[in-house]
Amino acid sequence: MTDWYLKGTEFANCNCAYGCGCQFNALPTHGHCSAVAAFQVDEGRYGGLRLDGLRAAGIYTWPGPVHEGNGRMQLIVDEHASDAQFEAMVGIMTGRDTREMATMWWVFSAMSPNKLPSLRRPISYTVDVDARRGEVRIPGLVEMDGQPIRNPVTGAEHRARIDLPEGFEYELAEIGSGTSRVTGDIALDLRATYGQFARLHLNQDGVVRERARPKAVAAPA
């Protein structure tokens, strides 16, 4: 197994209502799952190969919950990637050289037997995790926009976070509103649905834990 790691940011948008049942071991809002997720590697390597600065995205759709499988997926890697970097990024995003069940990419790939050819495309990526804002463009294929959830009465920005001390994607995610249009072999039209903004720190064994876990509260005597 080739060791790898990456640190960066992510903006993901799925068809669920704000919150997303998958984050709570529940079923998806509409009984099926469709999503597009993009990320940027600020620092990373695959073996001795540097991955710094690369961007990538995945488009996914399942006829039911993710864990029931039979999904379709397609990966897109930054056009600036060398051939070796392209293969490394695709390898990471298909679960190669990853401990079983350790990352979301391993799970998504295992649950998607219908894999379309991976693409190399220009990827424009601007994401501010704390502000819950993002814009991703892959010309002719993906348009993603993220913004804070807003109070329906006052219009004020609403902030909510999901903390997963034992998750396989992130430790803490800021939740916003995502709108995405995906064309091509997998077409998606998501409007004001679950948007996720997170800092990623992953390796072949899963999430690299950096935050202190909450202390258990003792039961009353």
Protein backbone atom coordinates (compact mmCIF):
# COMPACT_ATOMS: atom_id res chain seq x y z
CA MET A 1 0.00 0.00 0.00
CA THR A 2 1.30 3.46 -0.91
CA ASP A 3 1.07 5.95 1.95
CA TRP A 4 -0.67 9.22 1.15
CA TYR A 5 -2.11 12.23 2.91
CA LEU A 6 -3.78 15.51 2.05
CA LYS A 7 -4.91 18.67 3.78
CA GLY A 8 -7.27 21.11 2.13
CA THR A 9 -10.85 22.32 1.90
CA GLU A 10 -14.05 20.89 0.51
CA PHE A 11 -17.43 22.11 -0.73
CA ALA A 12 -20.06 19.41 -1.23
CA ASN A 13 -23.72 19.68 -2.26
CA CYS A 14 -26.27 16.86 -2.19
CA ASN A 15 -30.01 16.61 -2.80
CA CYS A 16 -30.94 16.30 0.90
CA ALA A 17 -32.52 18.96 3.08
CA TYR A 18 -30.16 20.92 5.34
CA GLY A 19 -28.54 18.47 7.72
CA CYS A 20 -28.33 15.41 5.40
CA GLY A 21 -29.45 12.12 6.90
CA CYS A 22 -26.17 10.42 6.01
CA GLN A 23 -24.43 12.52 8.66
CA PHE A 24 -26.69 10.94 11.30
CA ASN A 25 -26.94 7.34 10.09
CA ALA A 26 -30.40 8.11 8.72
CA LEU A 27 -31.95 7.71 5.29
CA PRO A 28 -31.69 10.47 2.65
CA THR A 29 -34.45 13.06 2.54
CA HIS A 30 -35.98 11.81 -0.72
CA GLY A 31 -34.96 8.16 -0.46
CA HIS A 32 -32.17 8.46 -3.00
CA CYS A 33 -28.86 10.33 -3.13
CA SER A 34 -27.22 12.60 -5.69
CA ALA A 35 -24.22 14.78 -4.95
CA VAL A 36 -21.31 16.73 -6.32
CA ALA A 37 -18.26 17.50 -4.20
CA ALA A 38 -15.13 19.49 -4.99
CA PHE A 39 -11.94 19.96 -3.02
CA GLN A 40 -8.55 21.63 -3.15
CA VAL A 41 -5.35 20.11 -1.84
CA ASP A 42 -3.34 22.72 0.04
CA GLU A 43 -0.72 20.18 1.06
CA GLY A 44 -0.48 16.54 0.11
CA ARG A 45 1.54 13.67 -1.26
CA TYR A 46 1.09 10.19 -2.67
CA GLY A 47 4.19 8.24 -1.77
CA GLY A 48 6.95 10.66 -2.78
CA LEU A 49 4.74 12.56 -5.25
CA ARG A 50 3.58 16.02 -4.22
CA LEU A 51 -0.09 16.91 -4.71
CA ASP A 52 0.00 20.51 -3.43
CA GLY A 53 -2.37 22.90 -5.19
CA LEU A 54 -4.36 20.30 -7.11
CA ARG A 55 -8.15 20.37 -7.32
CA ALA A 56 -10.62 17.60 -7.98
CA ALA A 57 -14.34 16.82 -7.92
CA GLY A 58 -16.65 13.85 -7.84
CA ILE A 59 -20.17 13.49 -9.22
CA TYR A 60 -22.30 10.74 -7.68
CA THR A 61 -25.81 9.32 -7.86
CA TRP A 62 -27.46 6.35 -6.17
CA PRO A 63 -31.00 5.00 -6.76
CA GLY A 64 -31.46 4.62 -3.00
CA PRO A 65 -29.36 5.27 0.11
CA VAL A 66 -25.61 5.19 -0.49
CA HIS A 67 -25.13 2.02 1.56
CA GLU A 68 -27.44 0.05 -0.76
CA GLY A 69 -25.02 0.60 -3.63
CA ASN A 70 -25.56 0.39 -7.39
CA GLY A 71 -24.35 3.99 -7.77
CA ARG A 72 -22.78 5.83 -10.67
CA MET A 73 -19.81 8.12 -10.29
CA GLN A 74 -17.42 10.24 -12.31
CA LEU A 75 -14.24 11.93 -11.15
CA ILE A 76 -12.65 15.11 -12.48
CA VAL A 77 -9.04 16.10 -11.78
CA ASP A 78 -7.34 19.45 -12.34
CA GLU A 79 -5.98 19.85 -15.86
CA HIS A 80 -2.70 21.03 -14.32
CA ALA A 81 -2.04 17.59 -12.85
CA SER A 82 0.77 15.58 -14.38
CA ASP A 83 -0.03 12.06 -15.54
CA ALA A 84 1.37 10.69 -12.28
CA GLN A 85 -0.60 13.20 -10.19
CA PHE A 86 -3.77 12.42 -12.14
CA GLU A 87 -3.40 8.71 -11.42
CA ALA A 88 -2.64 9.41 -7.75
CA MET A 89 -5.73 11.59 -7.30
CA VAL A 90 -7.96 9.06 -9.04
CA GLY A 91 -6.43 6.34 -6.89
CA ILE A 92 -7.19 8.22 -3.68
CA MET A 93 -10.75 9.01 -4.80
CA THR A 94 -11.47 5.40 -5.73
CA GLY A 95 -10.19 4.04 -2.43
CA ARG A 96 -6.97 2.53 -3.73
CA ASP A 97 -4.25 2.27 -1.07
CA THR A 98 -6.85 3.10 1.58
CA ARG A 99 -7.81 1.00 4.56
CA GLU A 100 -11.27 -0.51 4.14
CA MET A 101 -14.06 1.91 5.10
CA ALA A 102 -11.51 4.54 6.17
CA THR A 103 -12.59 7.46 3.94
CA MET A 104 -15.73 8.70 2.23
CA TRP A 105 -13.98 8.13 -1.10
CA TRP A 106 -13.49 4.43 -0.30
CA VAL A 107 -17.18 4.12 0.59
CA PHE A 108 -18.46 6.08 -2.40
CA SER A 109 -16.34 4.04 -4.78
CA ALA A 110 -17.29 0.70 -3.22
CA MET A 111 -20.96 1.66 -3.50
CA SER A 112 -20.61 2.78 -7.14
CA PRO A 113 -19.98 -0.16 -9.45
CA ASN A 114 -20.89 2.00 -12.44
CA LYS A 115 -17.80 4.18 -12.87
CA LEU A 116 -17.58 6.56 -15.80
CA PRO A 117 -14.16 7.50 -17.22
CA SER A 118 -12.26 9.99 -15.07
CA LEU A 119 -11.73 13.37 -16.72
CA ARG A 120 -9.02 16.01 -16.71
CA ARG A 121 -10.52 19.50 -16.81
CA PRO A 122 -9.81 23.08 -15.69
CA ILE A 123 -11.32 23.63 -12.23
CA SER A 124 -12.03 27.09 -10.82
CA TYR A 125 -12.40 26.82 -7.04
CA THR A 126 -13.06 29.52 -4.43
CA VAL A 127 -14.21 28.30 -1.01
CA ASP A 128 -14.34 30.02 2.39
CA VAL A 129 -15.23 27.36 4.95
CA ASP A 130 -15.97 29.68 7.88
CA ALA A 131 -18.09 32.02 5.77
CA ARG A 132 -19.99 29.09 4.22
CA ARG A 133 -19.42 30.41 0.75
CA GLY A 134 -18.12 28.71 -2.33
CA GLU A 135 -17.98 28.81 -6.09
CA VAL A 136 -16.74 25.97 -8.26
CA ARG A 137 -16.70 25.95 -12.03
CA ILE A 138 -15.71 23.15 -14.39
CA PRO A 139 -16.54 24.57 -17.84
CA GLY A 140 -19.25 22.67 -19.67
CA LEU A 141 -19.76 20.27 -16.78
CA VAL A 142 -20.19 21.65 -13.23
CA GLU A 143 -21.46 24.88 -11.67
CA MET A 144 -21.58 24.95 -7.86
CA ASP A 145 -22.56 27.87 -5.64
CA GLY A 146 -22.71 27.89 -1.86
CA GLN A 147 -23.90 30.45 0.64
CA PRO A 148 -25.06 30.60 4.25
CA ILE A 149 -28.50 29.35 5.18
CA ARG A 150 -30.72 32.36 5.84
CA ASN A 151 -33.51 32.89 8.32
CA PRO A 152 -36.74 32.78 6.24
CA VAL A 153 -38.26 35.67 8.21
CA THR A 154 -35.37 38.09 8.77
CA GLY A 155 -32.94 37.01 6.06
CA ALA A 156 -30.15 36.88 8.64
CA GLU A 157 -27.38 34.34 8.12
CA HIS A 158 -27.87 31.16 10.13
CA ARG A 159 -24.84 29.20 11.28
CA ALA A 160 -24.95 25.46 12.01
CA ARG A 161 -22.13 22.91 12.23
CA ILE A 162 -21.84 19.14 12.32
CA ASP A 163 -19.21 17.67 14.63
CA LEU A 164 -18.24 14.05 13.88
CA PRO A 165 -15.50 12.87 16.25
CA GLU A 166 -15.48 9.47 14.52
CA GLY A 167 -16.46 10.45 10.97
CA PHE A 168 -14.64 9.30 7.84
CA GLU A 169 -14.67 12.62 5.95
CA TYR A 170 -14.08 15.50 8.36
CA GLU A 171 -14.08 16.37 12.03
CA LEU A 172 -16.19 19.54 11.76
CA ALA A 173 -18.28 20.85 8.87
CA GLU A 174 -19.98 24.19 8.41
CA ILE A 175 -23.43 23.75 6.90
CA GLY A 176 -24.80 26.05 4.24
CA SER A 177 -27.05 26.12 1.20
CA GLY A 178 -25.81 24.68 -2.06
CA THR A 179 -27.06 25.08 -5.62
CA SER A 180 -25.44 23.04 -8.37
CA ARG A 181 -25.98 22.27 -12.02
CA VAL A 182 -24.16 19.31 -13.51
CA THR A 183 -24.40 18.35 -17.16
CA GLY A 184 -22.89 15.45 -19.03
CA ASP A 185 -23.28 11.72 -18.41
CA ILE A 186 -24.52 12.35 -14.87
CA ALA A 187 -26.91 15.31 -14.81
CA LEU A 188 -27.86 17.01 -11.54
CA ASP A 189 -29.99 20.05 -10.73
CA LEU A 190 -29.75 20.89 -7.02
CA ARG A 191 -31.36 24.05 -5.72
CA ALA A 192 -30.92 25.38 -2.18
CA THR A 193 -30.17 21.96 -0.70
CA TYR A 194 -27.58 20.63 1.75
CA GLY A 195 -24.25 22.38 1.38
CA GLN A 196 -21.18 21.27 3.31
CA PHE A 197 -17.98 23.23 3.84
CA ALA A 198 -15.14 21.45 5.59
CA ARG A 199 -11.41 21.33 6.15
CA LEU A 200 -10.04 17.97 5.12
CA HIS A 201 -7.09 16.17 6.67
CA LEU A 202 -7.01 12.57 5.49
CA ASN A 203 -4.60 9.74 4.86
CA GLN A 204 -4.74 6.05 3.98
CA ASP A 205 -6.06 5.30 7.49
CA GLY A 206 -8.84 7.90 7.46
CA VAL A 207 -9.33 11.29 9.14
CA VAL A 208 -6.29 12.65 10.94
CA ARG A 209 -7.76 13.77 14.26
CA GLU A 210 -6.67 17.24 15.36
CA ARG A 211 -9.49 18.28 17.68
CA ALA A 212 -9.83 17.15 21.28
CA ARG A 213 -12.74 14.81 21.79
CA PRO A 214 -15.50 16.01 24.16
CA LYS A 215 -15.08 14.69 27.67
CA ALA A 216 -17.68 12.25 28.87
CA VAL A 217 -20.10 13.67 31.41
CA ALA A 218 -20.28 11.56 34.55
CA ALA A 219 -23.73 10.31 35.51
CA PRO A 220 -25.22 11.76 38.72
CA ALA A 221 -24.35 9.73 41.79
